[in-house]
Amino acid sequence: MELIVVPAALNLAMLLLGLLAAAAFFAICYYLFISPALKLKAEQDSPPPREGFVYEVRLDDQRRNRRVSVGLVDSDIKLRLNGIKEDQMVLKFVKERELEEYEITVSPGSQVFWRPPHARKIEPMKDDETFPSRELIGHPALFRVAASVKNNRPLQYAEFELSTSFFINSIGEEQMRFSVTLLRIFPGVDSKSRNKKGLFSFSRFKAGQEDAGEAA
């Protein structure tokens, strides 16, 4: 019986091909399965955003429409708080072509209270509200996305401010940008209350805190 002698170069080439195939298989598995699972776990383990969190919105003539949602875990701004609904508040920005003029529409998906630009009182938002961006200059709008309501007042809520400012873009043009800022979570977040779904509970009320929240 004759023995088949495999050249050392061919043996090395086959070994390298096997290693490359294994590496490619691992890379595909990591990209398709492991990485999404790690991102999902990190997302579930993330706490609610802290007070002072800012979500910026910029538009231009290439992208003149933008939708920003505030909600539980599948919205753009994820509150991860029990009692909050998905897309509980939706902001829609539409830019005029070749002009720094915008139309803003606010849609309440559930319990939302707001103080319009130039107004002084917070009121329930029952239907869509639309206003031009120039009203925000120097007069931010205020929103309370409520998890619970008592006597037509938000009892547990996340409070946001929608404001606008100007900046100079890369080609020297002045453009408007919008900032959605989380001012506070009332009466706070219970950091030890995270459940299996990664959701947190609001803090418990302290003596006199409920009345303070209603009067704020």
C-alpha atoms as a PDB file:
ATOM      1  CA  MET A   1       0.000   0.000   0.000  1.00  0.00           C
ATOM      2  CA  GLU A   2       1.349   3.323  -1.060  1.00  0.00           C
ATOM      3  CA  LEU A   3       1.343   6.164   1.425  1.00  0.00           C
ATOM      4  CA  ILE A   4       0.052   9.573   0.318  1.00  0.00           C
ATOM      5  CA  VAL A   5       2.528  12.251   1.259  1.00  0.00           C
ATOM      6  CA  VAL A   6       0.909  15.644   1.786  1.00  0.00           C
ATOM      7  CA  PRO A   7       3.287  18.543   1.110  1.00  0.00           C
ATOM      8  CA  ALA A   8       3.947  20.682   4.149  1.00  0.00           C
ATOM      9  CA  ALA A   9       2.842  23.836   2.276  1.00  0.00           C
ATOM     10  CA  LEU A  10      -0.541  22.286   1.418  1.00  0.00           C
ATOM     11  CA  ASN A  11      -0.983  21.077   4.986  1.00  0.00           C
ATOM     12  CA  LEU A  12      -0.284  24.590   6.290  1.00  0.00           C
ATOM     13  CA  ALA A  13      -2.666  26.121   3.738  1.00  0.00           C
ATOM     14  CA  MET A  14      -5.483  23.767   4.780  1.00  0.00           C
ATOM     15  CA  LEU A  15      -4.842  24.599   8.427  1.00  0.00           C
ATOM     16  CA  LEU A  16      -5.029  28.322   7.696  1.00  0.00           C
ATOM     17  CA  LEU A  17      -8.235  27.889   5.692  1.00  0.00           C
ATOM     18  CA  GLY A  18      -9.778  25.963   8.581  1.00  0.00           C
ATOM     19  CA  LEU A  19      -8.827  28.691  11.040  1.00  0.00           C
ATOM     20  CA  LEU A  20     -10.222  31.391   8.733  1.00  0.00           C
ATOM     21  CA  ALA A  21     -13.473  29.467   8.299  1.00  0.00           C
ATOM     22  CA  ALA A  22     -13.814  29.077  12.082  1.00  0.00           C
ATOM     23  CA  ALA A  23     -13.087  32.769  12.612  1.00  0.00           C
ATOM     24  CA  ALA A  24     -15.626  33.756   9.945  1.00  0.00           C
ATOM     25  CA  PHE A  25     -18.245  31.468  11.498  1.00  0.00           C
ATOM     26  CA  PHE A  26     -17.636  32.976  14.950  1.00  0.00           C
ATOM     27  CA  ALA A  27     -17.788  36.523  13.539  1.00  0.00           C
ATOM     28  CA  ILE A  28     -21.122  35.817  11.820  1.00  0.00           C
ATOM     29  CA  CYS A  29     -22.573  34.260  14.991  1.00  0.00           C
ATOM     30  CA  TYR A  30     -21.371  37.214  17.068  1.00  0.00           C
ATOM     31  CA  TYR A  31     -22.815  39.758  14.624  1.00  0.00           C
ATOM     32  CA  LEU A  32     -26.177  38.002  14.217  1.00  0.00           C
ATOM     33  CA  PHE A  33     -26.805  36.605  17.700  1.00  0.00           C
ATOM     34  CA  ILE A  34     -24.352  37.539  20.461  1.00  0.00           C
ATOM     35  CA  SER A  35     -24.045  41.288  19.785  1.00  0.00           C
ATOM     36  CA  PRO A  36     -27.834  41.922  19.599  1.00  0.00           C
ATOM     37  CA  ALA A  37     -28.333  39.893  22.798  1.00  0.00           C
ATOM     38  CA  LEU A  38     -25.641  41.902  24.616  1.00  0.00           C
ATOM     39  CA  LYS A  39     -27.159  45.180  23.415  1.00  0.00           C
ATOM     40  CA  LEU A  40     -30.624  44.068  24.537  1.00  0.00           C
ATOM     41  CA  LYS A  41     -29.306  43.093  27.969  1.00  0.00           C
ATOM     42  CA  ALA A  42     -27.436  46.388  28.326  1.00  0.00           C
ATOM     43  CA  GLU A  43     -30.609  48.213  27.299  1.00  0.00           C
ATOM     44  CA  GLN A  44     -32.686  46.332  29.865  1.00  0.00           C
ATOM     45  CA  ASP A  45     -30.115  46.970  32.592  1.00  0.00           C
ATOM     46  CA  SER A  46     -29.952  50.715  31.882  1.00  0.00           C
ATOM     47  CA  PRO A  47     -31.568  52.978  34.485  1.00  0.00           C
ATOM     48  CA  PRO A  48     -34.002  55.783  33.590  1.00  0.00           C
ATOM     49  CA  PRO A  49     -32.346  58.925  32.202  1.00  0.00           C
ATOM     50  CA  ARG A  50     -31.102  61.360  34.820  1.00  0.00           C
ATOM     51  CA  GLU A  51     -32.415  64.838  35.354  1.00  0.00           C
ATOM     52  CA  GLY A  52     -30.581  67.145  32.963  1.00  0.00           C
ATOM     53  CA  PHE A  53     -30.601  64.599  30.107  1.00  0.00           C
ATOM     54  CA  VAL A  54     -30.867  66.421  26.749  1.00  0.00           C
ATOM     55  CA  TYR A  55     -32.126  65.012  23.444  1.00  0.00           C
ATOM     56  CA  GLU A  56     -31.166  67.318  20.550  1.00  0.00           C
ATOM     57  CA  VAL A  57     -33.071  67.591  17.280  1.00  0.00           C
ATOM     58  CA  ARG A  58     -31.615  69.112  14.097  1.00  0.00           C
ATOM     59  CA  LEU A  59     -33.139  69.261  10.641  1.00  0.00           C
ATOM     60  CA  ASP A  60     -31.998  70.508   7.253  1.00  0.00           C
ATOM     61  CA  ASP A  61     -33.275  70.622   3.674  1.00  0.00           C
ATOM     62  CA  GLN A  62     -32.222  66.988   3.142  1.00  0.00           C
ATOM     63  CA  ARG A  63     -34.254  65.841   6.128  1.00  0.00           C
ATOM     64  CA  ARG A  64     -37.114  68.231   6.750  1.00  0.00           C
ATOM     65  CA  ASN A  65     -39.263  65.928   8.896  1.00  0.00           C
ATOM     66  CA  ARG A  66     -38.421  64.429  12.267  1.00  0.00           C
ATOM     67  CA  ARG A  67     -40.454  62.452  14.791  1.00  0.00           C
ATOM     68  CA  VAL A  68     -39.345  62.123  18.423  1.00  0.00           C
ATOM     69  CA  SER A  69     -41.276  59.974  20.881  1.00  0.00           C
ATOM     70  CA  VAL A  70     -41.210  59.825  24.675  1.00  0.00           C
ATOM     71  CA  GLY A  71     -42.278  56.554  26.255  1.00  0.00           C
ATOM     72  CA  LEU A  72     -41.347  53.366  28.056  1.00  0.00           C
ATOM     73  CA  VAL A  73     -38.647  51.273  26.306  1.00  0.00           C
ATOM     74  CA  ASP A  74     -39.380  51.366  22.554  1.00  0.00           C
ATOM     75  CA  SER A  75     -39.540  55.153  22.157  1.00  0.00           C
ATOM     76  CA  ASP A  76     -36.730  57.550  21.237  1.00  0.00           C
ATOM     77  CA  ILE A  77     -36.551  58.843  24.818  1.00  0.00           C
ATOM     78  CA  LYS A  78     -36.859  55.772  27.047  1.00  0.00           C
ATOM     79  CA  LEU A  79     -38.068  56.527  30.566  1.00  0.00           C
ATOM     80  CA  ARG A  80     -38.205  52.891  31.794  1.00  0.00           C
ATOM     81  CA  LEU A  81     -40.702  53.851  34.499  1.00  0.00           C
ATOM     82  CA  ASN A  82     -43.765  51.823  35.491  1.00  0.00           C
ATOM     83  CA  GLY A  83     -46.975  53.593  34.493  1.00  0.00           C
ATOM     84  CA  ILE A  84     -45.468  55.259  31.416  1.00  0.00           C
ATOM     85  CA  LYS A  85     -46.857  54.156  28.029  1.00  0.00           C
ATOM     86  CA  GLU A  86     -45.087  53.671  24.719  1.00  0.00           C
ATOM     87  CA  ASP A  87     -45.144  56.814  22.565  1.00  0.00           C
ATOM     88  CA  GLN A  88     -46.956  58.602  25.369  1.00  0.00           C
ATOM     89  CA  MET A  89     -45.868  61.922  23.847  1.00  0.00           C
ATOM     90  CA  VAL A  90     -44.791  62.414  20.235  1.00  0.00           C
ATOM     91  CA  LEU A  91     -43.118  65.559  18.880  1.00  0.00           C
ATOM     92  CA  LYS A  92     -43.164  66.123  15.125  1.00  0.00           C
ATOM     93  CA  PHE A  93     -40.909  68.724  13.519  1.00  0.00           C
ATOM     94  CA  VAL A  94     -41.404  69.928   9.926  1.00  0.00           C
ATOM     95  CA  LYS A  95     -38.980  72.393   8.329  1.00  0.00           C
ATOM     96  CA  GLU A  96     -39.912  74.912   5.661  1.00  0.00           C
ATOM     97  CA  ARG A  97     -37.828  74.445   2.515  1.00  0.00           C
ATOM     98  CA  GLU A  98     -34.773  76.774   2.460  1.00  0.00           C
ATOM     99  CA  LEU A  99     -36.049  78.666   5.515  1.00  0.00           C
ATOM    100  CA  GLU A 100     -35.289  78.422   9.241  1.00  0.00           C
ATOM    101  CA  GLU A 101     -38.981  78.115   9.982  1.00  0.00           C
ATOM    102  CA  TYR A 102     -40.444  75.008  11.583  1.00  0.00           C
ATOM    103  CA  GLU A 103     -43.868  73.707  12.497  1.00  0.00           C
ATOM    104  CA  ILE A 104     -44.062  71.633  15.676  1.00  0.00           C
ATOM    105  CA  THR A 105     -46.920  69.252  16.458  1.00  0.00           C
ATOM    106  CA  VAL A 106     -47.281  67.589  19.853  1.00  0.00           C
ATOM    107  CA  SER A 107     -49.441  64.446  20.060  1.00  0.00           C
ATOM    108  CA  PRO A 108     -50.495  62.979  23.423  1.00  0.00           C
ATOM    109  CA  GLY A 109     -50.665  59.198  23.292  1.00  0.00           C
ATOM    110  CA  SER A 110     -51.779  59.068  26.906  1.00  0.00           C
ATOM    111  CA  GLN A 111     -51.710  61.373  29.944  1.00  0.00           C
ATOM    112  CA  VAL A 112     -49.740  64.515  29.042  1.00  0.00           C
ATOM    113  CA  PHE A 113     -49.920  67.969  30.605  1.00  0.00           C
ATOM    114  CA  TRP A 114     -48.261  71.014  29.117  1.00  0.00           C
ATOM    115  CA  ARG A 115     -47.556  74.695  29.379  1.00  0.00           C
ATOM    116  CA  PRO A 116     -47.543  76.244  25.884  1.00  0.00           C
ATOM    117  CA  PRO A 117     -44.968  78.898  24.927  1.00  0.00           C
ATOM    118  CA  HIS A 118     -45.874  82.306  26.449  1.00  0.00           C
ATOM    119  CA  ALA A 119     -48.394  80.643  28.817  1.00  0.00           C
ATOM    120  CA  ARG A 120     -48.137  80.503  32.608  1.00  0.00           C
ATOM    121  CA  LYS A 121     -50.333  77.569  33.589  1.00  0.00           C
ATOM    122  CA  ILE A 122     -49.989  73.851  33.007  1.00  0.00           C
ATOM    123  CA  GLU A 123     -53.062  72.259  31.474  1.00  0.00           C
ATOM    124  CA  PRO A 124     -54.077  68.803  30.241  1.00  0.00           C
ATOM    125  CA  MET A 125     -53.343  68.089  26.596  1.00  0.00           C
ATOM    126  CA  LYS A 126     -56.404  66.455  25.051  1.00  0.00           C
ATOM    127  CA  ASP A 127     -55.659  66.681  21.332  1.00  0.00           C
ATOM    128  CA  ASP A 128     -52.761  67.422  18.996  1.00  0.00           C
ATOM    129  CA  GLU A 129     -51.302  70.899  19.408  1.00  0.00           C
ATOM    130  CA  THR A 130     -49.390  72.713  16.641  1.00  0.00           C
ATOM    131  CA  PHE A 131     -47.342  75.908  16.864  1.00  0.00           C
ATOM    132  CA  PRO A 132     -44.504  77.596  14.924  1.00  0.00           C
ATOM    133  CA  SER A 133     -40.923  77.275  16.169  1.00  0.00           C
ATOM    134  CA  ARG A 134     -40.523  81.044  16.604  1.00  0.00           C
ATOM    135  CA  GLU A 135     -42.859  80.889  19.602  1.00  0.00           C
ATOM    136  CA  LEU A 136     -40.217  78.892  21.466  1.00  0.00           C
ATOM    137  CA  ILE A 137     -37.543  81.590  21.186  1.00  0.00           C
ATOM    138  CA  GLY A 138     -37.100  82.760  24.753  1.00  0.00           C
ATOM    139  CA  HIS A 139     -40.281  80.946  25.828  1.00  0.00           C
ATOM    140  CA  PRO A 140     -39.766  77.158  26.185  1.00  0.00           C
ATOM    141  CA  ALA A 141     -42.725  74.805  26.325  1.00  0.00           C
ATOM    142  CA  LEU A 142     -43.120  72.542  29.352  1.00  0.00           C
ATOM    143  CA  PHE A 143     -44.474  68.975  29.335  1.00  0.00           C
ATOM    144  CA  ARG A 144     -45.338  66.514  32.060  1.00  0.00           C
ATOM    145  CA  VAL A 145     -45.613  62.906  30.927  1.00  0.00           C
ATOM    146  CA  ALA A 146     -47.711  61.419  33.719  1.00  0.00           C
ATOM    147  CA  ALA A 147     -47.782  57.888  35.073  1.00  0.00           C
ATOM    148  CA  SER A 148     -50.655  58.658  37.437  1.00  0.00           C
ATOM    149  CA  VAL A 149     -53.132  61.497  37.814  1.00  0.00           C
ATOM    150  CA  LYS A 150     -55.226  62.691  40.754  1.00  0.00           C
ATOM    151  CA  ASN A 151     -57.946  65.335  40.596  1.00  0.00           C
ATOM    152  CA  ASN A 152     -56.897  66.157  37.030  1.00  0.00           C
ATOM    153  CA  ARG A 153     -53.326  66.862  38.189  1.00  0.00           C
ATOM    154  CA  PRO A 154     -50.226  64.820  37.381  1.00  0.00           C
ATOM    155  CA  LEU A 155     -49.176  62.880  40.467  1.00  0.00           C
ATOM    156  CA  GLN A 156     -46.176  60.909  39.189  1.00  0.00           C
ATOM    157  CA  TYR A 157     -44.513  62.291  36.098  1.00  0.00           C
ATOM    158  CA  ALA A 158     -41.422  63.114  34.072  1.00  0.00           C
ATOM    159  CA  GLU A 159     -41.136  66.808  33.278  1.00  0.00           C
ATOM    160  CA  PHE A 160     -39.565  67.962  30.009  1.00  0.00           C
ATOM    161  CA  GLU A 161     -38.739  71.342  28.529  1.00  0.00           C
ATOM    162  CA  LEU A 162     -38.710  71.957  24.779  1.00  0.00           C
ATOM    163  CA  SER A 163     -36.464  74.873  23.863  1.00  0.00           C
ATOM    164  CA  THR A 164     -34.649  76.165  20.798  1.00  0.00           C
ATOM    165  CA  SER A 165     -31.331  77.823  20.055  1.00  0.00           C
ATOM    166  CA  PHE A 166     -29.193  78.738  17.074  1.00  0.00           C
ATOM    167  CA  PHE A 167     -25.790  77.462  15.981  1.00  0.00           C
ATOM    168  CA  ILE A 168     -23.428  77.919  13.032  1.00  0.00           C
ATOM    169  CA  ASN A 169     -23.139  74.813  10.870  1.00  0.00           C
ATOM    170  CA  SER A 170     -20.054  73.569   9.015  1.00  0.00           C
ATOM    171  CA  ILE A 171     -20.644  75.864   6.020  1.00  0.00           C
ATOM    172  CA  GLY A 172     -21.157  78.982   8.113  1.00  0.00           C
ATOM    173  CA  GLU A 173     -24.943  79.107   8.022  1.00  0.00           C
ATOM    174  CA  GLU A 174     -27.042  79.851  11.089  1.00  0.00           C
ATOM    175  CA  GLN A 175     -29.420  77.018  11.895  1.00  0.00           C
ATOM    176  CA  MET A 176     -31.988  76.267  14.570  1.00  0.00           C
ATOM    177  CA  ARG A 177     -31.829  73.271  16.847  1.00  0.00           C
ATOM    178  CA  PHE A 178     -34.270  71.968  19.418  1.00  0.00           C
ATOM    179  CA  SER A 179     -33.508  70.550  22.851  1.00  0.00           C
ATOM    180  CA  VAL A 180     -35.791  68.208  24.767  1.00  0.00           C
ATOM    181  CA  THR A 181     -34.479  68.421  28.338  1.00  0.00           C
ATOM    182  CA  LEU A 182     -35.547  66.207  31.228  1.00  0.00           C
ATOM    183  CA  LEU A 183     -36.007  68.668  34.086  1.00  0.00           C
ATOM    184  CA  ARG A 184     -37.134  66.269  36.795  1.00  0.00           C
ATOM    185  CA  ILE A 185     -38.811  62.997  37.669  1.00  0.00           C
ATOM    186  CA  PHE A 186     -41.375  63.495  40.429  1.00  0.00           C
ATOM    187  CA  PRO A 187     -41.330  62.241  43.159  1.00  0.00           C
ATOM    188  CA  GLY A 188     -38.129  60.498  42.054  1.00  0.00           C
ATOM    189  CA  VAL A 189     -36.964  57.019  41.005  1.00  0.00           C
ATOM    190  CA  ASP A 190     -36.715  54.048  43.330  1.00  0.00           C
ATOM    191  CA  SER A 191     -33.276  52.778  42.267  1.00  0.00           C
ATOM    192  CA  LYS A 192     -33.832  49.390  43.973  1.00  0.00           C
ATOM    193  CA  SER A 193     -37.131  48.610  42.255  1.00  0.00           C
ATOM    194  CA  ARG A 194     -35.917  47.281  38.890  1.00  0.00           C
ATOM    195  CA  ASN A 195     -38.010  44.290  37.800  1.00  0.00           C
ATOM    196  CA  LYS A 196     -37.231  41.477  35.354  1.00  0.00           C
ATOM    197  CA  LYS A 197     -38.294  43.657  32.428  1.00  0.00           C
ATOM    198  CA  GLY A 198     -35.806  46.359  33.418  1.00  0.00           C
ATOM    199  CA  LEU A 199     -38.507  48.788  34.549  1.00  0.00           C
ATOM    200  CA  PHE A 200     -38.268  50.984  37.636  1.00  0.00           C
ATOM    201  CA  SER A 201     -40.923  52.375  39.967  1.00  0.00           C
ATOM    202  CA  PHE A 202     -41.384  55.949  41.054  1.00  0.00           C
ATOM    203  CA  SER A 203     -40.241  56.744  44.587  1.00  0.00           C
ATOM    204  CA  ARG A 204     -42.775  56.761  47.376  1.00  0.00           C
ATOM    205  CA  PHE A 205     -44.237  60.051  48.480  1.00  0.00           C
ATOM    206  CA  LYS A 206     -42.942  61.636  51.643  1.00  0.00           C
ATOM    207  CA  ALA A 207     -45.081  63.673  54.013  1.00  0.00           C
ATOM    208  CA  GLY A 208     -46.372  66.743  52.166  1.00  0.00           C
ATOM    209  CA  GLN A 209     -44.633  65.770  48.913  1.00  0.00           C
ATOM    210  CA  GLU A 210     -47.861  64.889  47.088  1.00  0.00           C
ATOM    211  CA  ASP A 211     -49.319  68.341  47.692  1.00  0.00           C
ATOM    212  CA  ALA A 212     -46.038  69.934  46.650  1.00  0.00           C
ATOM    213  CA  GLY A 213     -46.119  68.022  43.394  1.00  0.00           C
ATOM    214  CA  GLU A 214     -49.659  69.090  42.614  1.00  0.00           C
ATOM    215  CA  ALA A 215     -48.846  72.727  43.315  1.00  0.00           C
ATOM    216  CA  ALA A 216     -45.664  72.745  41.210  1.00  0.00           C
END
